[in-house]
Amino acid sequence: MGGAGTYAALGARLAAGIQDAHLVSWIVDMGADFPPLFRELINTWRTNCVFRLDLNRLTTTAWNGYGENEYRAFKYLTAKLRLDENDLSDDQALARSFHMVCSPARCISLVNGILGRRRDLLRERGRNPDDVDAELWPIFVWEPVPDLCTPEEVARLRQAAGYVNVVSPNADEFAAFFKETAAGECRETQVRWLLDPSGGGEGMRPPRTVLVIREGAQGCRTYTANNWEGLHLRAYHQSKERVTDPTGGGNTFLGALAIGLTGMTSPDGRVLQDLVVPDDQKQLLLGLIHATVAAGYAIEQIGMPAVAATDGDAWNGQRYPERFLEYLQREREHIDRQLAYTTMEP
């Protein structure tokens, strides 16, 4: 069992904890061949999963291939289904955060579509969307689809980045956007070009976009318009011995980040209260640490980690909150040292 949406839901579920598992909502489209065992497994997560059965089609399946230097190949084996804002229930459309894997053009379309749904729903409930900005604008976490991380899409990348809170390619995908362009191989030049406030989406609020570049075994580096050098977080696993299959690690990372940015996590932001970082930046740091820890569970086996039947926060034999605190203690000095001379403010 896999897929970007499944792994993103896993990441959100890990970070939410069993107490808030019901806040993680997603859609599973089952074809005639969907294994009942998969549904049973998903049900053990206690998320708010909407199962939709269509006996006239096969379940979407795909193939992943891996090579040296973290090379990855991917192809669909059966037809895929494309979801948009109209597939969401009212409650899903009013979610506090969304994770998307798509092209730049589709990213803009989805953001506009979701905002349109939310405006309509607020009006139906007797509220003026213009007076409830916080309810109208959720958090959007966007993962550019790898096939379209090309120089031909770089202008649309910049446009779409102005519509979202987080844009997160992996290191190779980000570099591929700038291949044979004026930005060359200088990441700082690339980051400055992407996060320049003058390059945001038309008609949107002032861009506060965060760029999170996922670097596999090296962890991740986070950039904002006020931080071109980036905040580095090491990966949870520092030894290859615990890594079995990297499939889904990035999606799990971003699912955890999406819910982490809302603050609805276990542990919550109180674990960072003694860090020297402004309160308005702690939410981002909290989300990034949850993302890093959650991704570690996804790559320890082929498929999904196992949650204990008697403890909804114990995965692969270790409680998630304990692993989170263990990581924070291990990396505290590395994080503190960077925060002393940088800012994470978008």
Protein backbone atom coordinates (compact mmCIF):
# COMPACT_ATOMS: atom_id res chain seq x y z
CA MET A 1 0.00 0.00 0.00
CA GLY A 2 1.34 3.40 -0.91
CA GLY A 3 0.82 6.54 -2.95
CA ALA A 4 1.56 10.20 -2.24
CA GLY A 5 -1.80 10.83 -0.58
CA THR A 6 -1.55 7.75 1.62
CA TYR A 7 1.92 8.65 2.84
CA ALA A 8 0.89 12.28 3.42
CA ALA A 9 -2.06 11.04 5.50
CA LEU A 10 0.35 8.82 7.42
CA GLY A 11 2.58 11.80 8.18
CA ALA A 12 -0.33 13.90 9.37
CA ARG A 13 -1.60 11.01 11.50
CA LEU A 14 1.79 10.47 13.11
CA ALA A 15 2.13 14.13 14.03
CA ALA A 16 -1.50 14.52 15.17
CA GLY A 17 -1.33 11.64 17.59
CA ILE A 18 -4.20 9.33 18.45
CA GLN A 19 -6.08 12.10 20.28
CA ASP A 20 -6.46 14.20 17.12
CA ALA A 21 -6.30 11.40 14.54
CA HIS A 22 -9.89 12.16 13.51
CA LEU A 23 -8.78 15.59 12.27
CA VAL A 24 -6.79 13.97 9.45
CA SER A 25 -9.19 13.66 6.52
CA TRP A 26 -8.50 12.12 3.11
CA ILE A 27 -10.12 10.19 0.26
CA VAL A 28 -9.36 6.63 -0.86
CA ASP A 29 -10.80 5.60 -4.23
CA MET A 30 -11.19 1.83 -4.27
CA GLY A 31 -11.41 -0.10 -7.50
CA ALA A 32 -12.82 -3.59 -7.98
CA ASP A 33 -9.45 -5.08 -7.01
CA PHE A 34 -8.87 -3.05 -3.83
CA PRO A 35 -7.53 -5.45 -1.16
CA PRO A 36 -9.78 -5.58 1.94
CA LEU A 37 -6.60 -5.87 4.02
CA PHE A 38 -5.64 -2.33 2.99
CA ARG A 39 -8.92 -0.92 4.28
CA GLU A 40 -8.46 -2.77 7.55
CA LEU A 41 -4.96 -1.32 7.86
CA ILE A 42 -6.15 2.24 7.19
CA ASN A 43 -8.89 1.84 9.79
CA THR A 44 -6.27 1.12 12.46
CA TRP A 45 -5.01 4.70 12.04
CA ARG A 46 -8.39 6.10 13.25
CA THR A 47 -8.29 8.92 10.68
CA ASN A 48 -11.33 10.45 9.00
CA CYS A 49 -10.89 8.53 5.75
CA VAL A 50 -13.60 8.64 3.09
CA PHE A 51 -13.69 5.34 1.16
CA ARG A 52 -15.27 5.50 -2.32
CA LEU A 53 -15.88 2.25 -4.21
CA ASP A 54 -16.13 2.01 -8.02
CA LEU A 55 -16.46 -1.57 -9.26
CA ASN A 56 -16.10 -0.42 -12.88
CA ARG A 57 -12.41 0.44 -12.59
CA LEU A 58 -9.18 -0.87 -11.14
CA THR A 59 -7.50 0.74 -8.18
CA THR A 60 -4.76 3.17 -9.17
CA THR A 61 -1.37 1.47 -8.84
CA ALA A 62 2.14 2.58 -9.70
CA TRP A 63 5.74 1.38 -9.86
CA ASN A 64 8.78 2.92 -8.16
CA GLY A 65 12.34 2.15 -9.20
CA TYR A 66 15.55 3.24 -7.46
CA GLY A 67 19.19 3.51 -8.46
CA GLU A 68 22.45 4.98 -7.24
CA ASN A 69 22.69 8.50 -5.78
CA GLU A 70 19.02 8.45 -4.72
CA TYR A 71 17.85 8.12 -8.35
CA ARG A 72 14.14 7.40 -8.61
CA ALA A 73 11.89 6.31 -11.48
CA PHE A 74 8.09 6.24 -11.37
CA LYS A 75 5.24 5.20 -13.63
CA TYR A 76 1.53 4.44 -13.30
CA LEU A 77 0.43 0.87 -13.97
CA THR A 78 -3.32 1.62 -14.04
CA ALA A 79 -5.33 4.75 -14.72
CA LYS A 80 -5.10 7.49 -12.11
CA LEU A 81 -7.94 9.59 -10.77
CA ARG A 82 -7.55 13.33 -10.49
CA LEU A 83 -9.30 15.00 -7.56
CA ASP A 84 -10.22 18.65 -7.20
CA GLU A 85 -12.13 20.87 -4.78
CA ASN A 86 -15.46 19.42 -5.91
CA ASP A 87 -14.51 16.00 -4.53
CA LEU A 88 -14.21 17.40 -1.02
CA SER A 89 -16.96 17.24 1.55
CA ASP A 90 -17.92 20.55 3.17
CA ASP A 91 -15.86 19.71 6.25
CA GLN A 92 -12.86 18.77 4.12
CA ALA A 93 -13.14 21.98 2.11
CA LEU A 94 -12.99 23.94 5.38
CA ALA A 95 -9.85 22.16 6.61
CA ARG A 96 -7.10 24.23 8.20
CA SER A 97 -4.40 22.90 5.88
CA PHE A 98 -4.02 21.09 2.56
CA HIS A 99 -1.24 19.02 0.99
CA MET A 100 -1.02 18.97 -2.81
CA VAL A 101 1.19 17.10 -5.30
CA CYS A 102 0.74 18.61 -8.74
CA SER A 103 2.04 20.90 -11.48
CA PRO A 104 2.37 24.66 -10.94
CA ALA A 105 -0.68 25.38 -13.09
CA ARG A 106 -2.80 22.83 -11.26
CA CYS A 107 -1.57 24.18 -7.91
CA ILE A 108 -2.96 27.62 -8.75
CA SER A 109 -6.20 26.08 -9.98
CA LEU A 110 -6.64 24.02 -6.81
CA VAL A 111 -5.92 26.94 -4.49
CA ASN A 112 -8.43 29.13 -6.32
CA GLY A 113 -10.97 26.30 -6.36
CA ILE A 114 -10.64 25.57 -2.65
CA LEU A 115 -10.87 29.26 -1.76
CA GLY A 116 -13.98 29.51 -3.93
CA ARG A 117 -15.58 26.57 -2.13
CA ARG A 118 -14.76 28.12 1.22
CA ARG A 119 -16.24 31.48 0.24
CA ASP A 120 -19.46 29.77 -0.85
CA LEU A 121 -19.66 27.71 2.35
CA LEU A 122 -19.08 30.73 4.56
CA ARG A 123 -21.81 32.67 2.74
CA GLU A 124 -24.20 29.72 3.14
CA ARG A 125 -23.55 29.93 6.87
CA GLY A 126 -24.40 33.62 6.95
CA ARG A 127 -20.83 34.88 7.16
CA ASN A 128 -19.00 37.41 5.03
CA PRO A 129 -15.78 35.81 3.70
CA ASP A 130 -14.09 39.21 3.65
CA ASP A 131 -14.60 39.55 7.42
CA VAL A 132 -13.18 36.15 8.41
CA ASP A 133 -9.76 36.11 6.79
CA ALA A 134 -8.36 33.43 9.07
CA GLU A 135 -11.18 31.04 8.19
CA LEU A 136 -11.01 31.79 4.47
CA TRP A 137 -7.28 31.22 4.11
CA PRO A 138 -6.03 27.76 5.08
CA ILE A 139 -2.42 26.61 4.94
CA PHE A 140 -1.35 25.22 1.56
CA VAL A 141 1.65 22.88 1.34
CA TRP A 142 2.62 22.22 -2.26
CA GLU A 143 4.88 19.46 -3.57
CA PRO A 144 5.72 20.06 -7.27
CA VAL A 145 5.17 16.92 -9.33
CA PRO A 146 8.66 15.61 -10.30
CA ASP A 147 7.97 15.21 -14.03
CA LEU A 148 7.38 18.94 -14.41
CA CYS A 149 10.38 20.18 -12.44
CA THR A 150 11.91 21.55 -15.65
CA PRO A 151 13.27 24.90 -16.91
CA GLU A 152 10.12 25.24 -19.03
CA GLU A 153 8.06 25.37 -15.81
CA VAL A 154 10.30 27.68 -13.78
CA ALA A 155 8.24 30.83 -14.43
CA ARG A 156 5.08 29.00 -13.41
CA LEU A 157 6.90 27.67 -10.33
CA ARG A 158 7.49 31.23 -9.19
CA GLN A 159 3.91 32.22 -9.90
CA ALA A 160 2.46 29.21 -8.06
CA ALA A 161 4.78 29.76 -5.08
CA GLY A 162 2.97 33.02 -4.44
CA TYR A 163 -0.26 31.10 -3.86
CA VAL A 164 0.99 28.72 -1.17
CA ASN A 165 2.52 28.79 2.29
CA VAL A 166 5.08 26.09 1.58
CA VAL A 167 6.64 24.84 -1.65
CA SER A 168 8.75 21.73 -1.20
CA PRO A 169 10.64 19.91 -3.95
CA ASN A 170 13.56 17.66 -3.17
CA ALA A 171 17.07 18.89 -3.92
CA ASP A 172 17.32 17.32 -7.38
CA GLU A 173 13.87 18.54 -8.38
CA PHE A 174 14.61 22.09 -7.28
CA ALA A 175 17.91 22.14 -9.17
CA ALA A 176 16.19 20.73 -12.28
CA PHE A 177 13.98 23.81 -12.53
CA PHE A 178 17.10 25.94 -13.06
CA LYS A 179 19.11 23.67 -15.33
CA GLU A 180 20.74 25.72 -18.10
CA THR A 181 19.19 28.95 -16.81
CA ALA A 182 20.83 32.19 -15.66
CA ALA A 183 20.56 31.02 -12.05
CA GLY A 184 22.94 28.19 -12.90
CA GLU A 185 23.98 25.99 -10.00
CA CYS A 186 23.95 28.66 -7.28
CA ARG A 187 21.22 27.72 -4.82
CA GLU A 188 21.21 31.12 -3.11
CA THR A 189 20.54 32.81 -6.46
CA GLN A 190 17.75 30.33 -7.15
CA VAL A 191 16.20 30.86 -3.72
CA ARG A 192 16.36 34.65 -4.00
CA TRP A 193 14.70 34.51 -7.41
CA LEU A 194 11.90 32.25 -6.20
CA LEU A 195 11.11 34.01 -2.93
CA ASP A 196 11.41 37.58 -4.19
CA PRO A 197 8.12 39.16 -2.98
CA SER A 198 7.61 40.81 -6.37
CA GLY A 199 7.15 37.39 -7.97
CA GLY A 200 4.00 36.28 -6.14
CA GLY A 201 0.69 35.21 -7.60
CA GLU A 202 -1.60 37.91 -8.89
CA GLY A 203 -4.44 38.95 -6.63
CA MET A 204 -3.11 37.08 -3.62
CA ARG A 205 -2.12 38.38 -0.21
CA PRO A 206 1.51 39.51 0.22
CA PRO A 207 3.52 36.31 -0.32
CA ARG A 208 4.83 34.67 2.83
CA THR A 209 6.08 31.59 1.05
CA VAL A 210 8.49 29.19 2.72
CA LEU A 211 10.75 26.99 0.60
CA VAL A 212 11.58 23.62 2.15
CA ILE A 213 14.10 21.62 0.13
CA ARG A 214 14.11 17.97 1.12
CA GLU A 215 17.58 16.43 0.94
CA GLY A 216 16.99 12.77 1.77
CA ALA A 217 19.61 11.39 4.13
CA GLN A 218 20.94 14.94 4.63
CA GLY A 219 17.64 16.15 6.10
CA CYS A 220 16.04 19.38 4.91
CA ARG A 221 16.85 23.05 4.52
CA THR A 222 14.23 25.78 4.92
CA TYR A 223 14.41 29.20 3.27
CA THR A 224 12.31 32.34 3.63
CA ALA A 225 12.46 35.82 2.13
CA ASN A 226 14.48 36.84 5.22
CA ASN A 227 16.77 33.82 5.29
CA TRP A 228 18.63 32.99 2.09
CA GLU A 229 21.12 30.67 3.81
CA GLY A 230 18.48 28.31 5.13
CA LEU A 231 17.79 26.52 8.40
CA HIS A 232 19.10 22.96 8.29
CA LEU A 233 17.53 20.03 10.12
CA ARG A 234 19.28 16.69 10.06
CA ALA A 235 17.32 13.57 9.09
CA TYR A 236 16.03 11.46 11.97
CA HIS A 237 17.99 8.40 10.88
CA GLN A 238 21.72 9.06 10.85
CA SER A 239 22.55 5.47 9.94
CA LYS A 240 21.48 3.51 6.86
CA GLU A 241 20.92 0.44 9.01
CA ARG A 242 17.38 1.52 9.94
CA VAL A 243 16.43 2.57 6.41
CA THR A 244 14.75 -0.16 4.38
CA ASP A 245 12.84 1.66 1.62
CA PRO A 246 12.84 5.45 0.97
CA THR A 247 9.47 5.33 -0.81
CA GLY A 248 7.03 7.80 0.69
CA GLY A 249 9.49 9.54 2.97
CA GLY A 250 8.99 12.91 1.29
CA ASN A 251 5.20 12.65 1.23
CA THR A 252 5.14 11.63 4.89
CA PHE A 253 7.37 14.59 5.70
CA LEU A 254 4.96 17.02 4.03
CA GLY A 255 1.81 15.51 5.51
CA ALA A 256 3.29 15.97 8.97
CA LEU A 257 4.39 19.50 8.07
CA ALA A 258 0.90 20.39 6.85
CA ILE A 259 -0.72 19.52 10.16
CA GLY A 260 2.29 20.73 12.14
CA LEU A 261 1.79 24.24 10.79
CA THR A 262 -1.70 24.26 12.32
CA GLY A 263 -0.33 23.45 15.78
CA MET A 264 -2.67 20.46 16.18
CA THR A 265 0.09 18.03 17.05
CA SER A 266 1.34 15.81 19.83
CA PRO A 267 3.74 16.98 21.18
CA ASP A 268 2.52 20.54 20.64
CA GLY A 269 4.38 23.84 20.60
CA ARG A 270 4.98 23.87 24.34
CA VAL A 271 7.99 21.59 23.84
CA LEU A 272 9.75 24.49 22.08
CA GLN A 273 8.95 27.16 24.66
CA ASP A 274 12.53 27.44 25.92
CA LEU A 275 14.07 27.82 22.45
CA VAL A 276 15.25 31.33 21.59
CA VAL A 277 12.93 31.87 18.63
CA PRO A 278 10.03 34.34 18.22
CA ASP A 279 6.61 32.85 18.95
CA ASP A 280 5.38 33.47 15.39
CA GLN A 281 8.25 31.35 14.06
CA LYS A 282 7.90 28.45 16.48
CA GLN A 283 4.97 27.02 14.53
CA LEU A 284 7.16 26.56 11.47
CA LEU A 285 9.95 24.98 13.50
CA LEU A 286 7.44 22.70 15.23
CA GLY A 287 6.09 21.57 11.87
CA LEU A 288 9.56 20.93 10.46
CA ILE A 289 10.60 18.80 13.42
CA HIS A 290 7.38 16.79 13.23
CA ALA A 291 7.96 16.35 9.50
CA THR A 292 11.48 15.08 10.07
CA VAL A 293 10.51 12.63 12.79
CA ALA A 294 7.46 11.31 10.91
CA ALA A 295 9.48 10.69 7.75
CA GLY A 296 11.78 8.44 9.74
CA TYR A 297 8.95 5.98 10.40
CA ALA A 298 7.95 5.80 6.72
CA ILE A 299 11.31 4.51 5.51
CA GLU A 300 11.93 1.79 8.10
CA GLN A 301 10.04 -0.87 6.11
CA ILE A 302 8.47 -1.62 2.75
CA GLY A 303 4.98 -0.16 2.99
CA MET A 304 3.45 1.35 6.09
CA PRO A 305 4.72 1.33 9.69
CA ALA A 306 2.67 -0.72 12.14
CA VAL A 307 0.67 1.01 14.86
CA ALA A 308 0.17 -0.88 18.11
CA ALA A 309 -3.34 -2.14 18.79
CA THR A 310 -3.13 -1.06 22.43
CA ASP A 311 -1.37 2.31 21.95
CA GLY A 312 -2.32 4.52 19.02
CA ASP A 313 0.87 6.55 19.40
CA ALA A 314 3.26 3.57 19.24
CA TRP A 315 4.58 2.83 15.75
CA ASN A 316 7.17 0.19 14.90
CA GLY A 317 7.58 -0.44 18.60
CA GLN A 318 8.39 3.14 19.64
CA ARG A 319 6.00 5.85 20.80
CA TYR A 320 5.98 8.83 18.46
CA PRO A 321 6.09 11.51 21.21
CA GLU A 322 9.15 9.84 22.72
CA ARG A 323 10.91 9.76 19.36
CA PHE A 324 10.06 13.43 18.81
CA LEU A 325 11.56 14.44 22.17
CA GLU A 326 14.57 12.21 21.56
CA TYR A 327 15.23 13.96 18.24
CA LEU A 328 14.76 17.40 19.76
CA GLN A 329 17.25 16.63 22.53
CA ARG A 330 19.76 15.17 20.07
CA GLU A 331 19.55 18.11 17.65
CA ARG A 332 19.02 20.92 20.15
CA GLU A 333 22.54 22.33 19.88
CA HIS A 334 22.52 22.17 16.07
CA ILE A 335 19.20 24.05 15.94
CA ASP A 336 20.13 26.58 18.64
CA ARG A 337 23.39 27.43 16.92
CA GLN A 338 21.59 28.30 13.69
CA LEU A 339 18.79 30.25 15.38
CA ALA A 340 21.38 32.43 17.08
CA TYR A 341 22.30 34.11 13.78
CA THR A 342 19.36 33.58 11.46
CA THR A 343 15.62 34.18 11.22
CA MET A 344 12.86 31.88 10.04
CA GLU A 345 10.28 34.62 9.59
CA PRO A 346 8.65 34.42 6.12
